[in-house]
C-alpha atoms as a PDB file:
ATOM      1  CA  MET A   1      91.878 -49.615-173.915  1.00  0.00           C
ATOM      2  CA  PHE A   2      95.913 -48.878-173.887  1.00  0.00           C
ATOM      3  CA  SER A   3      96.949 -45.680-173.541  1.00  0.00           C
ATOM      4  CA  PRO A   4      99.003 -44.501-176.767  1.00  0.00           C
ATOM      5  CA  LEU A   5     102.319 -44.671-174.534  1.00  0.00           C
ATOM      6  CA  MET A   6     101.848 -48.055-173.243  1.00  0.00           C
ATOM      7  CA  ARG A   7     101.133 -49.076-177.300  1.00  0.00           C
ATOM      8  CA  HIS A   8     104.412 -47.267-178.231  1.00  0.00           C
ATOM      9  CA  ARG A   9     106.354 -48.986-175.760  1.00  0.00           C
ATOM     10  CA  GLY A  10     104.557 -52.333-176.597  1.00  0.00           C
ATOM     11  CA  VAL A  11     105.934 -51.772-180.543  1.00  0.00           C
ATOM     12  CA  THR A  12     109.250 -50.798-178.915  1.00  0.00           C
ATOM     13  CA  PHE A  13     109.639 -54.000-176.583  1.00  0.00           C
ATOM     14  CA  ILE A  14     108.129 -56.540-179.454  1.00  0.00           C
ATOM     15  CA  THR A  15     110.910 -54.898-181.985  1.00  0.00           C
ATOM     16  CA  ALA A  16     113.758 -55.577-179.372  1.00  0.00           C
ATOM     17  CA  ALA A  17     112.684 -59.339-178.799  1.00  0.00           C
ATOM     18  CA  LEU A  18     112.309 -59.784-182.394  1.00  0.00           C
ATOM     19  CA  GLY A  19     115.671 -58.518-183.081  1.00  0.00           C
ATOM     20  CA  THR A  20     116.986 -60.294-180.032  1.00  0.00           C
ATOM     21  CA  ALA A  21     115.706 -63.670-181.437  1.00  0.00           C
ATOM     22  CA  VAL A  22     117.073 -62.900-185.159  1.00  0.00           C
ATOM     23  CA  PHE A  23     120.307 -62.163-183.883  1.00  0.00           C
ATOM     24  CA  TRP A  24     119.885 -65.325-181.549  1.00  0.00           C
ATOM     25  CA  PHE A  25     119.002 -67.710-184.131  1.00  0.00           C
ATOM     26  CA  ALA A  26     121.209 -66.325-186.564  1.00  0.00           C
ATOM     27  CA  GLY A  27     124.589 -67.077-184.188  1.00  0.00           C
ATOM     28  CA  LEU A  28     125.284 -63.469-184.399  1.00  0.00           C
ATOM     29  CA  PRO A  29     127.622 -61.878-181.693  1.00  0.00           C
ATOM     30  CA  LEU A  30     125.905 -60.156-178.683  1.00  0.00           C
ATOM     31  CA  PRO A  31     122.469 -60.674-179.899  1.00  0.00           C
ATOM     32  CA  PHE A  32     120.700 -59.372-176.135  1.00  0.00           C
ATOM     33  CA  LEU A  33     122.694 -55.755-177.069  1.00  0.00           C
ATOM     34  CA  PHE A  34     122.667 -55.667-180.968  1.00  0.00           C
ATOM     35  CA  GLY A  35     119.662 -57.429-181.718  1.00  0.00           C
ATOM     36  CA  PRO A  36     117.485 -54.685-180.018  1.00  0.00           C
ATOM     37  CA  MET A  37     119.819 -51.982-181.434  1.00  0.00           C
ATOM     38  CA  ASN A  38     119.564 -52.925-184.798  1.00  0.00           C
ATOM     39  CA  ALA A  39     115.918 -53.637-184.924  1.00  0.00           C
ATOM     40  CA  CYS A  40     114.964 -50.738-183.555  1.00  0.00           C
ATOM     41  CA  LEU A  41     117.023 -48.653-185.352  1.00  0.00           C
ATOM     42  CA  ILE A  42     115.585 -49.864-188.389  1.00  0.00           C
ATOM     43  CA  VAL A  43     112.318 -49.451-187.439  1.00  0.00           C
ATOM     44  CA  ALA A  44     112.776 -45.899-186.497  1.00  0.00           C
ATOM     45  CA  LEU A  45     114.231 -44.855-189.790  1.00  0.00           C
ATOM     46  CA  ALA A  46     111.048 -46.726-191.049  1.00  0.00           C
ATOM     47  CA  GLY A  47     108.824 -44.090-189.053  1.00  0.00           C
ATOM     48  CA  ALA A  48     107.181 -46.142-186.719  1.00  0.00           C
ATOM     49  CA  LYS A  49     106.426 -44.723-183.452  1.00  0.00           C
ATOM     50  CA  MET A  50     108.058 -46.337-180.221  1.00  0.00           C
ATOM     51  CA  VAL A  51     109.343 -44.786-177.175  1.00  0.00           C
ATOM     52  CA  GLY A  52     111.906 -46.134-174.480  1.00  0.00           C
ATOM     53  CA  PHE A  53     110.986 -47.316-170.977  1.00  0.00           C
ATOM     54  CA  GLY A  54     112.188 -44.370-169.117  1.00  0.00           C
ATOM     55  CA  GLN A  55     113.010 -45.352-165.271  1.00  0.00           C
ATOM     56  CA  VAL A  56     112.863 -49.159-166.291  1.00  0.00           C
ATOM     57  CA  SER A  57     115.667 -48.682-168.532  1.00  0.00           C
ATOM     58  CA  VAL A  58     117.720 -46.495-165.911  1.00  0.00           C
ATOM     59  CA  ALA A  59     117.365 -49.715-163.688  1.00  0.00           C
ATOM     60  CA  ALA A  60     118.921 -51.767-165.715  1.00  0.00           C
ATOM     61  CA  ARG A  61     121.946 -49.836-165.836  1.00  0.00           C
ATOM     62  CA  THR A  62     122.337 -50.425-162.095  1.00  0.00           C
ATOM     63  CA  ILE A  63     122.943 -53.986-163.089  1.00  0.00           C
ATOM     64  CA  LEU A  64     126.541 -52.841-164.931  1.00  0.00           C
ATOM     65  CA  GLY A  65     127.115 -50.554-161.906  1.00  0.00           C
ATOM     66  CA  VAL A  66     126.994 -53.799-159.456  1.00  0.00           C
ATOM     67  CA  ALA A  67     128.794 -55.886-162.249  1.00  0.00           C
ATOM     68  CA  VAL A  68     131.678 -53.027-162.077  1.00  0.00           C
ATOM     69  CA  GLY A  69     131.812 -53.108-158.370  1.00  0.00           C
ATOM     70  CA  THR A  70     131.926 -56.424-157.711  1.00  0.00           C
ATOM     71  CA  SER A  71     134.963 -56.569-159.996  1.00  0.00           C
ATOM     72  CA  ILE A  72     136.836 -54.479-157.537  1.00  0.00           C
ATOM     73  CA  THR A  73     138.559 -56.704-155.656  1.00  0.00           C
ATOM     74  CA  PRO A  74     141.508 -55.722-153.174  1.00  0.00           C
ATOM     75  CA  GLU A  75     144.147 -57.068-155.938  1.00  0.00           C
ATOM     76  CA  VAL A  76     142.345 -54.657-158.316  1.00  0.00           C
ATOM     77  CA  ILE A  77     142.777 -51.645-155.684  1.00  0.00           C
ATOM     78  CA  GLY A  78     146.673 -52.709-155.471  1.00  0.00           C
ATOM     79  CA  GLU A  79     147.014 -52.041-159.297  1.00  0.00           C
ATOM     80  CA  LEU A  80     145.699 -48.484-159.231  1.00  0.00           C
ATOM     81  CA  PRO A  81     149.231 -46.962-158.901  1.00  0.00           C
ATOM     82  CA  GLN A  82     150.129 -48.811-162.348  1.00  0.00           C
ATOM     83  CA  MET A  83     147.023 -46.975-164.095  1.00  0.00           C
ATOM     84  CA  VAL A  84     148.268 -43.178-163.266  1.00  0.00           C
ATOM     85  CA  GLY A  85     150.058 -43.041-166.261  1.00  0.00           C
ATOM     86  CA  SER A  86     147.410 -43.640-168.795  1.00  0.00           C
ATOM     87  CA  VAL A  87     144.901 -42.131-166.714  1.00  0.00           C
ATOM     88  CA  ALA A  88     147.163 -38.910-167.415  1.00  0.00           C
ATOM     89  CA  LEU A  89     146.644 -38.975-170.945  1.00  0.00           C
ATOM     90  CA  ILE A  90     142.872 -38.742-170.334  1.00  0.00           C
ATOM     91  CA  PRO A  91     142.834 -34.498-169.880  1.00  0.00           C
ATOM     92  CA  ILE A  92     145.434 -34.622-173.428  1.00  0.00           C
ATOM     93  CA  TYR A  93     142.766 -37.083-174.972  1.00  0.00           C
ATOM     94  CA  VAL A  94     139.813 -34.706-174.018  1.00  0.00           C
ATOM     95  CA  ILE A  95     141.451 -31.222-174.911  1.00  0.00           C
ATOM     96  CA  LEU A  96     142.303 -32.387-178.329  1.00  0.00           C
ATOM     97  CA  ILE A  97     138.959 -33.685-179.215  1.00  0.00           C
ATOM     98  CA  GLY A  98     137.606 -30.414-178.122  1.00  0.00           C
ATOM     99  CA  VAL A  99     140.194 -28.381-179.847  1.00  0.00           C
ATOM    100  CA  ILE A 100     139.410 -30.317-183.107  1.00  0.00           C
ATOM    101  CA  GLY A 101     135.460 -30.815-182.617  1.00  0.00           C
ATOM    102  CA  VAL A 102     134.379 -27.725-181.683  1.00  0.00           C
ATOM    103  CA  PRO A 103     135.726 -26.073-184.714  1.00  0.00           C
ATOM    104  CA  PHE A 104     134.584 -29.063-186.550  1.00  0.00           C
ATOM    105  CA  PHE A 105     130.631 -28.898-185.860  1.00  0.00           C
ATOM    106  CA  HIS A 106     130.689 -24.389-185.664  1.00  0.00           C
ATOM    107  CA  LYS A 107     132.805 -23.781-188.989  1.00  0.00           C
ATOM    108  CA  ILE A 108     131.752 -27.037-191.357  1.00  0.00           C
ATOM    109  CA  CYS A 109     128.676 -28.397-190.226  1.00  0.00           C
ATOM    110  CA  LYS A 110     127.212 -24.922-189.163  1.00  0.00           C
ATOM    111  CA  PHE A 111     125.925 -25.538-185.320  1.00  0.00           C
ATOM    112  CA  ASP A 112     125.897 -22.575-183.055  1.00  0.00           C
ATOM    113  CA  PRO A 113     128.904 -22.301-180.786  1.00  0.00           C
ATOM    114  CA  VAL A 114     127.217 -24.028-177.700  1.00  0.00           C
ATOM    115  CA  THR A 115     125.419 -26.984-179.568  1.00  0.00           C
ATOM    116  CA  SER A 116     129.060 -27.471-181.213  1.00  0.00           C
ATOM    117  CA  TYR A 117     130.645 -27.629-177.726  1.00  0.00           C
ATOM    118  CA  TYR A 118     128.392 -30.420-176.431  1.00  0.00           C
ATOM    119  CA  ALA A 119     128.361 -32.294-179.512  1.00  0.00           C
ATOM    120  CA  ALA A 120     131.896 -32.565-180.046  1.00  0.00           C
ATOM    121  CA  MET A 121     132.402 -33.580-176.063  1.00  0.00           C
ATOM    122  CA  PRO A 122     132.556 -37.197-175.538  1.00  0.00           C
ATOM    123  CA  GLY A 123     130.385 -37.430-172.291  1.00  0.00           C
ATOM    124  CA  GLY A 124     127.466 -39.264-171.510  1.00  0.00           C
ATOM    125  CA  LEU A 125     124.832 -39.792-173.928  1.00  0.00           C
ATOM    126  CA  GLN A 126     122.170 -38.364-171.585  1.00  0.00           C
ATOM    127  CA  ASP A 127     124.427 -36.175-169.598  1.00  0.00           C
ATOM    128  CA  MET A 128     125.404 -33.933-172.945  1.00  0.00           C
ATOM    129  CA  ILE A 129     121.999 -33.791-173.862  1.00  0.00           C
ATOM    130  CA  ILE A 130     120.606 -32.292-170.524  1.00  0.00           C
ATOM    131  CA  PHE A 131     123.882 -30.072-169.679  1.00  0.00           C
ATOM    132  CA  GLY A 132     123.389 -29.023-173.572  1.00  0.00           C
ATOM    133  CA  GLN A 133     119.801 -27.896-173.133  1.00  0.00           C
ATOM    134  CA  GLU A 134     120.154 -26.123-170.100  1.00  0.00           C
ATOM    135  CA  ALA A 135     123.137 -23.717-171.607  1.00  0.00           C
ATOM    136  CA  GLY A 136     120.827 -23.260-174.774  1.00  0.00           C
ATOM    137  CA  ALA A 137     122.138 -25.794-177.033  1.00  0.00           C
ATOM    138  CA  ASN A 138     119.866 -27.814-179.627  1.00  0.00           C
ATOM    139  CA  PRO A 139     118.675 -30.845-177.698  1.00  0.00           C
ATOM    140  CA  ARG A 140     117.546 -32.887-181.055  1.00  0.00           C
ATOM    141  CA  ILE A 141     121.078 -32.032-182.799  1.00  0.00           C
ATOM    142  CA  LEU A 142     122.704 -33.207-179.484  1.00  0.00           C
ATOM    143  CA  SER A 143     120.543 -36.403-178.982  1.00  0.00           C
ATOM    144  CA  LEU A 144     121.234 -37.603-182.689  1.00  0.00           C
ATOM    145  CA  ILE A 145     125.364 -36.876-182.886  1.00  0.00           C
ATOM    146  CA  HIS A 146     125.932 -38.724-179.473  1.00  0.00           C
ATOM    147  CA  ALA A 147     123.396 -41.448-180.526  1.00  0.00           C
ATOM    148  CA  THR A 148     125.313 -41.945-183.849  1.00  0.00           C
ATOM    149  CA  ARG A 149     128.926 -41.736-181.684  1.00  0.00           C
ATOM    150  CA  VAL A 150     127.672 -44.433-179.361  1.00  0.00           C
ATOM    151  CA  LEU A 151     125.814 -46.693-182.366  1.00  0.00           C
ATOM    152  CA  VAL A 152     129.084 -46.422-184.438  1.00  0.00           C
ATOM    153  CA  VAL A 153     131.486 -47.283-181.446  1.00  0.00           C
ATOM    154  CA  VAL A 154     128.964 -50.358-180.230  1.00  0.00           C
ATOM    155  CA  THR A 155     128.917 -51.440-183.738  1.00  0.00           C
ATOM    156  CA  LEU A 156     132.443 -51.335-184.747  1.00  0.00           C
ATOM    157  CA  ALA A 157     134.291 -51.943-181.666  1.00  0.00           C
ATOM    158  CA  PRO A 158     133.316 -55.621-181.646  1.00  0.00           C
ATOM    159  CA  ILE A 159     134.587 -56.105-185.096  1.00  0.00           C
ATOM    160  CA  LEU A 160     137.778 -54.631-184.472  1.00  0.00           C
ATOM    161  CA  LEU A 161     138.280 -56.400-181.180  1.00  0.00           C
ATOM    162  CA  THR A 162     138.187 -59.689-182.997  1.00  0.00           C
ATOM    163  CA  SER A 163     139.822 -59.185-186.073  1.00  0.00           C
ATOM    164  CA  LEU A 164     142.447 -56.970-184.983  1.00  0.00           C
ATOM    165  CA  TYR A 165     143.083 -58.421-181.477  1.00  0.00           C
ATOM    166  CA  GLY A 166     141.786 -61.588-181.955  1.00  0.00           C
ATOM    167  CA  VAL A 167     139.753 -61.569-178.846  1.00  0.00           C
ATOM    168  CA  SER A 168     136.717 -63.716-178.646  1.00  0.00           C
ATOM    169  CA  LEU A 169     133.141 -62.059-177.465  1.00  0.00           C
ATOM    170  CA  SER A 170     132.416 -65.184-175.898  1.00  0.00           C
ATOM    171  CA  ASN A 171     133.583 -64.679-172.185  1.00  0.00           C
ATOM    172  CA  PRO A 172     131.209 -65.722-169.526  1.00  0.00           C
ATOM    173  CA  ILE A 173     129.021 -62.643-168.198  1.00  0.00           C
ATOM    174  CA  GLY A 174     128.315 -64.329-165.445  1.00  0.00           C
ATOM    175  CA  GLN A 175     127.160 -67.475-163.326  1.00  0.00           C
ATOM    176  CA  PRO A 176     123.496 -68.673-163.674  1.00  0.00           C
ATOM    177  CA  ALA A 177     121.146 -67.071-161.247  1.00  0.00           C
ATOM    178  CA  SER A 178     120.332 -70.835-159.792  1.00  0.00           C
ATOM    179  CA  GLU A 179     123.996 -71.090-158.812  1.00  0.00           C
ATOM    180  CA  LEU A 180     124.353 -68.248-156.817  1.00  0.00           C
ATOM    181  CA  PRO A 181     123.301 -67.763-153.065  1.00  0.00           C
ATOM    182  CA  LEU A 182     119.691 -66.268-152.686  1.00  0.00           C
ATOM    183  CA  GLY A 183     120.818 -64.250-149.877  1.00  0.00           C
ATOM    184  CA  GLU A 184     123.879 -62.235-151.871  1.00  0.00           C
ATOM    185  CA  LEU A 185     121.581 -61.887-154.971  1.00  0.00           C
ATOM    186  CA  GLY A 186     118.916 -60.240-152.732  1.00  0.00           C
ATOM    187  CA  LEU A 187     121.650 -57.984-151.573  1.00  0.00           C
ATOM    188  CA  MET A 188     122.682 -57.143-154.813  1.00  0.00           C
ATOM    189  CA  VAL A 189     119.305 -55.777-155.813  1.00  0.00           C
ATOM    190  CA  VAL A 190     119.328 -53.812-152.445  1.00  0.00           C
ATOM    191  CA  ALA A 191     123.086 -52.268-153.557  1.00  0.00           C
ATOM    192  CA  ALA A 192     121.597 -51.567-156.932  1.00  0.00           C
ATOM    193  CA  PHE A 193     118.800 -49.478-155.176  1.00  0.00           C
ATOM    194  CA  VAL A 194     120.472 -47.970-152.558  1.00  0.00           C
ATOM    195  CA  GLY A 195     123.526 -46.711-154.592  1.00  0.00           C
ATOM    196  CA  TRP A 196     121.235 -45.472-157.679  1.00  0.00           C
ATOM    197  CA  LYS A 197     118.842 -43.668-155.464  1.00  0.00           C
ATOM    198  CA  GLY A 198     121.353 -42.521-153.013  1.00  0.00           C
ATOM    199  CA  GLY A 199     123.507 -41.230-155.690  1.00  0.00           C
ATOM    200  CA  GLU A 200     120.687 -39.269-157.091  1.00  0.00           C
ATOM    201  CA  ARG A 201     119.869 -37.788-153.719  1.00  0.00           C
ATOM    202  CA  ILE A 202     123.481 -36.436-153.248  1.00  0.00           C
ATOM    203  CA  GLY A 203     123.536 -35.339-156.917  1.00  0.00           C
ATOM    204  CA  LEU A 204     126.159 -37.898-158.614  1.00  0.00           C
ATOM    205  CA  PHE A 205     126.461 -38.095-161.927  1.00  0.00           C
ATOM    206  CA  GLY A 206     125.793 -40.866-163.664  1.00  0.00           C
ATOM    207  CA  ALA A 207     124.354 -42.279-160.557  1.00  0.00           C
ATOM    208  CA  SER A 208     122.308 -45.319-161.873  1.00  0.00           C
ATOM    209  CA  ILE A 209     126.015 -46.996-162.866  1.00  0.00           C
ATOM    210  CA  LEU A 210     128.386 -45.161-160.159  1.00  0.00           C
ATOM    211  CA  GLY A 211     126.181 -45.266-157.197  1.00  0.00           C
ATOM    212  CA  PRO A 212     125.620 -49.106-157.426  1.00  0.00           C
ATOM    213  CA  MET A 213     129.093 -49.416-158.180  1.00  0.00           C
ATOM    214  CA  ILE A 214     130.456 -47.480-155.093  1.00  0.00           C
ATOM    215  CA  VAL A 215     128.361 -49.494-152.784  1.00  0.00           C
ATOM    216  CA  SER A 216     128.629 -52.818-154.213  1.00  0.00           C
ATOM    217  CA  ALA A 217     132.888 -52.091-154.410  1.00  0.00           C
ATOM    218  CA  LEU A 218     132.451 -51.483-151.016  1.00  0.00           C
ATOM    219  CA  LEU A 219     130.368 -54.809-150.078  1.00  0.00           C
ATOM    220  CA  THR A 220     133.110 -56.691-152.375  1.00  0.00           C
ATOM    221  CA  MET A 221     136.075 -55.332-150.451  1.00  0.00           C
ATOM    222  CA  MET A 222     134.120 -56.245-147.248  1.00  0.00           C
ATOM    223  CA  GLY A 223     134.251 -59.824-148.644  1.00  0.00           C
ATOM    224  CA  VAL A 224     130.238 -59.858-149.100  1.00  0.00           C
ATOM    225  CA  PHE A 225     130.195 -59.974-152.715  1.00  0.00           C
ATOM    226  CA  HIS A 226     131.776 -62.642-154.399  1.00  0.00           C
ATOM    227  CA  SER A 227     130.622 -63.048-157.963  1.00  0.00           C
ATOM    228  CA  ARG A 228     128.973 -60.831-160.604  1.00  0.00           C
ATOM    229  CA  PRO A 229     125.556 -60.326-161.000  1.00  0.00           C
ATOM    230  CA  PRO A 230     124.149 -63.384-162.492  1.00  0.00           C
ATOM    231  CA  ALA A 231     123.918 -63.577-166.475  1.00  0.00           C
ATOM    232  CA  GLU A 232     120.358 -63.125-166.633  1.00  0.00           C
ATOM    233  CA  ALA A 233     120.678 -59.876-165.309  1.00  0.00           C
ATOM    234  CA  ILE A 234     123.516 -58.896-167.614  1.00  0.00           C
ATOM    235  CA  LEU A 235     121.663 -59.893-170.610  1.00  0.00           C
ATOM    236  CA  THR A 236     118.613 -57.720-169.291  1.00  0.00           C
ATOM    237  CA  ALA A 237     120.781 -54.806-169.065  1.00  0.00           C
ATOM    238  CA  GLN A 238     122.266 -55.221-172.753  1.00  0.00           C
ATOM    239  CA  PHE A 239     118.622 -55.665-174.318  1.00  0.00           C
ATOM    240  CA  PHE A 240     117.600 -52.244-172.418  1.00  0.00           C
ATOM    241  CA  ILE A 241     120.700 -50.131-173.550  1.00  0.00           C
ATOM    242  CA  GLY A 242     120.774 -51.648-177.016  1.00  0.00           C
ATOM    243  CA  MET A 243     117.080 -50.818-177.285  1.00  0.00           C
ATOM    244  CA  GLY A 244     117.803 -47.270-176.014  1.00  0.00           C
ATOM    245  CA  ILE A 245     119.970 -46.526-178.634  1.00  0.00           C
ATOM    246  CA  GLY A 246     117.898 -47.563-181.324  1.00  0.00           C
ATOM    247  CA  VAL A 247     114.942 -45.786-180.015  1.00  0.00           C
ATOM    248  CA  HIS A 248     117.145 -41.949-180.000  1.00  0.00           C
ATOM    249  CA  TYR A 249     116.565 -41.995-184.108  1.00  0.00           C
ATOM    250  CA  VAL A 250     112.461 -42.501-183.607  1.00  0.00           C
ATOM    251  CA  GLY A 251     110.924 -39.070-185.753  1.00  0.00           C
ATOM    252  CA  VAL A 252     114.545 -38.338-187.486  1.00  0.00           C
ATOM    253  CA  THR A 253     114.020 -36.739-190.998  1.00  0.00           C
ATOM    254  CA  LEU A 254     115.808 -37.087-194.256  1.00  0.00           C
ATOM    255  CA  ARG A 255     117.174 -33.627-193.611  1.00  0.00           C
ATOM    256  CA  GLU A 256     118.638 -34.294-190.158  1.00  0.00           C
ATOM    257  CA  LEU A 257     119.815 -37.758-191.720  1.00  0.00           C
ATOM    258  CA  ARG A 258     121.768 -35.585-194.265  1.00  0.00           C
ATOM    259  CA  GLN A 259     123.152 -32.899-191.927  1.00  0.00           C
ATOM    260  CA  VAL A 260     123.090 -34.186-188.415  1.00  0.00           C
ATOM    261  CA  VAL A 261     123.942 -37.792-188.826  1.00  0.00           C
ATOM    262  CA  VAL A 262     126.345 -37.438-191.671  1.00  0.00           C
ATOM    263  CA  SER A 263     128.187 -34.538-189.387  1.00  0.00           C
ATOM    264  CA  GLY A 264     128.115 -37.217-186.225  1.00  0.00           C
ATOM    265  CA  LEU A 265     129.622 -40.048-188.598  1.00  0.00           C
ATOM    266  CA  GLY A 266     132.110 -37.585-189.815  1.00  0.00           C
ATOM    267  CA  PHE A 267     133.408 -36.840-186.447  1.00  0.00           C
ATOM    268  CA  MET A 268     133.552 -40.346-185.574  1.00  0.00           C
ATOM    269  CA  LEU A 269     136.502 -40.181-188.126  1.00  0.00           C
ATOM    270  CA  VAL A 270     138.312 -37.713-185.912  1.00  0.00           C
ATOM    271  CA  LEU A 271     137.388 -39.956-182.552  1.00  0.00           C
ATOM    272  CA  ALA A 272     138.396 -43.165-183.957  1.00  0.00           C
ATOM    273  CA  ALA A 273     142.043 -41.606-185.271  1.00  0.00           C
ATOM    274  CA  LEU A 274     142.617 -40.050-181.947  1.00  0.00           C
ATOM    275  CA  ALA A 275     141.474 -42.993-179.564  1.00  0.00           C
ATOM    276  CA  ALA A 276     143.587 -45.315-181.685  1.00  0.00           C
ATOM    277  CA  VAL A 277     146.618 -42.880-181.383  1.00  0.00           C
ATOM    278  CA  PHE A 278     146.029 -43.067-177.562  1.00  0.00           C
ATOM    279  CA  ALA A 279     145.433 -46.785-177.348  1.00  0.00           C
ATOM    280  CA  GLU A 280     148.687 -47.623-179.223  1.00  0.00           C
ATOM    281  CA  ALA A 281     150.745 -44.962-177.031  1.00  0.00           C
ATOM    282  CA  VAL A 282     149.063 -46.691-173.827  1.00  0.00           C
ATOM    283  CA  THR A 283     150.569 -49.640-175.321  1.00  0.00           C
ATOM    284  CA  LEU A 284     153.761 -49.139-176.309  1.00  0.00           C
ATOM    285  CA  LEU A 285     154.383 -47.466-173.149  1.00  0.00           C
ATOM    286  CA  GLY A 286     153.553 -50.364-171.222  1.00  0.00           C
ATOM    287  CA  PHE A 287     150.764 -49.327-169.350  1.00  0.00           C
ATOM    288  CA  ALA A 288     148.267 -51.820-170.686  1.00  0.00           C
ATOM    289  CA  PRO A 289     147.513 -54.729-172.753  1.00  0.00           C
ATOM    290  CA  PRO A 290     146.262 -53.770-176.423  1.00  0.00           C
ATOM    291  CA  VAL A 291     142.614 -54.667-175.458  1.00  0.00           C
ATOM    292  CA  ASP A 292     142.156 -52.965-172.281  1.00  0.00           C
ATOM    293  CA  ALA A 293     143.893 -49.792-173.975  1.00  0.00           C
ATOM    294  CA  PHE A 294     141.446 -50.014-176.758  1.00  0.00           C
ATOM    295  CA  LEU A 295     138.178 -50.016-174.394  1.00  0.00           C
ATOM    296  CA  ALA A 296     139.690 -47.463-172.173  1.00  0.00           C
ATOM    297  CA  PHE A 297     140.089 -44.978-174.899  1.00  0.00           C
ATOM    298  CA  ALA A 298     136.965 -45.868-177.035  1.00  0.00           C
ATOM    299  CA  PRO A 299     134.539 -43.049-177.142  1.00  0.00           C
ATOM    300  CA  GLY A 300     131.801 -44.740-176.438  1.00  0.00           C
ATOM    301  CA  GLY A 301     129.551 -44.668-173.387  1.00  0.00           C
ATOM    302  CA  GLN A 302     130.110 -46.041-170.259  1.00  0.00           C
ATOM    303  CA  ALA A 303     127.190 -48.603-169.930  1.00  0.00           C
ATOM    304  CA  GLU A 304     128.482 -50.138-173.559  1.00  0.00           C
ATOM    305  CA  MET A 305     132.246 -50.407-172.787  1.00  0.00           C
ATOM    306  CA  THR A 306     131.263 -52.160-169.649  1.00  0.00           C
ATOM    307  CA  VAL A 307     129.315 -54.726-171.308  1.00  0.00           C
ATOM    308  CA  LEU A 308     132.307 -55.110-174.262  1.00  0.00           C
ATOM    309  CA  ALA A 309     134.874 -55.336-171.538  1.00  0.00           C
ATOM    310  CA  ILE A 310     132.982 -58.101-169.850  1.00  0.00           C
ATOM    311  CA  VAL A 311     132.204 -60.242-172.742  1.00  0.00           C
ATOM    312  CA  VAL A 312     136.072 -59.891-173.954  1.00  0.00           C
ATOM    313  CA  GLY A 313     137.066 -60.619-170.157  1.00  0.00           C
ATOM    314  CA  ALA A 314     138.957 -56.848-170.122  1.00  0.00           C
ATOM    315  CA  ASP A 315     140.316 -55.492-167.035  1.00  0.00           C
ATOM    316  CA  LEU A 316     136.894 -53.863-166.076  1.00  0.00           C
ATOM    317  CA  GLY A 317     138.782 -51.622-163.177  1.00  0.00           C
ATOM    318  CA  PHE A 318     141.448 -50.370-166.107  1.00  0.00           C
ATOM    319  CA  VAL A 319     138.466 -49.310-168.335  1.00  0.00           C
ATOM    320  CA  ILE A 320     136.263 -47.928-166.182  1.00  0.00           C
ATOM    321  CA  ALA A 321     138.741 -45.829-164.647  1.00  0.00           C
ATOM    322  CA  HIS A 322     139.454 -44.186-167.645  1.00  0.00           C
ATOM    323  CA  HIS A 323     135.902 -43.740-168.703  1.00  0.00           C
ATOM    324  CA  LEU A 324     134.820 -42.369-165.577  1.00  0.00           C
ATOM    325  CA  THR A 325     138.070 -39.806-165.707  1.00  0.00           C
ATOM    326  CA  ARG A 326     136.625 -38.753-169.126  1.00  0.00           C
ATOM    327  CA  ILE A 327     133.203 -38.186-168.204  1.00  0.00           C
ATOM    328  CA  VAL A 328     134.351 -36.226-165.235  1.00  0.00           C
ATOM    329  CA  LEU A 329     136.442 -33.868-167.049  1.00  0.00           C
ATOM    330  CA  VAL A 330     133.822 -33.603-169.801  1.00  0.00           C
ATOM    331  CA  ILE A 331     131.215 -32.682-167.055  1.00  0.00           C
ATOM    332  CA  LEU A 332     133.018 -30.461-164.739  1.00  0.00           C
ATOM    333  CA  GLY A 333     134.420 -28.254-167.773  1.00  0.00           C
ATOM    334  CA  ALA A 334     130.908 -28.197-169.637  1.00  0.00           C
ATOM    335  CA  PRO A 335     129.537 -25.330-167.449  1.00  0.00           C
ATOM    336  CA  ILE A 336     132.455 -23.286-167.491  1.00  0.00           C
ATOM    337  CA  VAL A 337     133.073 -23.605-171.336  1.00  0.00           C
ATOM    338  CA  SER A 338     129.267 -23.040-171.974  1.00  0.00           C
ATOM    339  CA  ARG A 339     129.628 -19.562-170.050  1.00  0.00           C
ATOM    340  CA  MET A 340     132.273 -18.770-172.475  1.00  0.00           C
ATOM    341  CA  LEU A 341     130.614 -19.652-175.581  1.00  0.00           C
ATOM    342  CA  ARG A 342     127.383 -18.273-174.762  1.00  0.00           C
ATOM    343  CA  PRO A 343     126.572 -14.816-176.565  1.00  0.00           C
ATOM    344  CA  LYS A 344     126.778 -12.051-174.599  1.00  0.00           C
ATOM    345  CA  PRO A 345     123.668  -9.889-173.936  1.00  0.00           C
ATOM    346  CA  PRO A 346     123.798  -6.512-175.652  1.00  0.00           C
ATOM    347  CA  ASP A 347     124.501  -3.515-173.581  1.00  0.00           C
END
């Protein structure tokens, strides 16, 4: 009656929904993000067959793009010159990650050079897997390394934010849909779709987030949008993002856990130390408050960091500007470095 794909997706959705319910009733933080993520992770490691939701999950990310875009007001644009100092540190940050990370994965973890490079680079999870596969890297290793990176950052960042910085994770993420004008909600849907598909058509990296962000930012600057997407939409985005992180561990073997995932955890110590140094430098230099600096240099995914920035009330424009710069540098440098690392054909 149902195809295997539909059954596997049904298992995924039910698992994620149960995880959300457990976190919600237990009063745990970010239940729509951590509930699906942890439930799917546990069930995946237990050997269950689960499948992500493909384009539905991608569409959910457009909500975050609109959320960021509607936060880019004329006041935020006026603050851009103040970001130059901290944004200028991003290239140094990325270079140091590569200088330490590539030898770590190649010499210690025994990955091939191309896989080592793409495993070390803190770009988008999907971007690094796609670019790495095209360059001849091992896509399974890349998937597990980057899923582990995002999982660790998303898990530890809220703990550090609450314990070290004393912030709350209860900042309002948006108004209820019932309180927003119906016309504005409809335009947000249009902005999300046009930005996403238009971005894909012109080859924009991270089109599902950046395209809607650009379109909604323009509409915000024009005075069309006056609020973020409704709370229900942002919770939906959290749900699919959390689910997607957990599903990346489907089919992982004990050997992969010992070798690949442990390697990813080891490298996270390096990334955490570098991020802490740069965030502290930005704070001491007076470029940004501690929480904004922490989120700007945390080596997580753009979507996940957007969610955390929203729930702690951080400066979304500042945080996203730094993550965009990092991802642009990684993506632009990837083809050049991969050609340098690729073995030369015999004469």
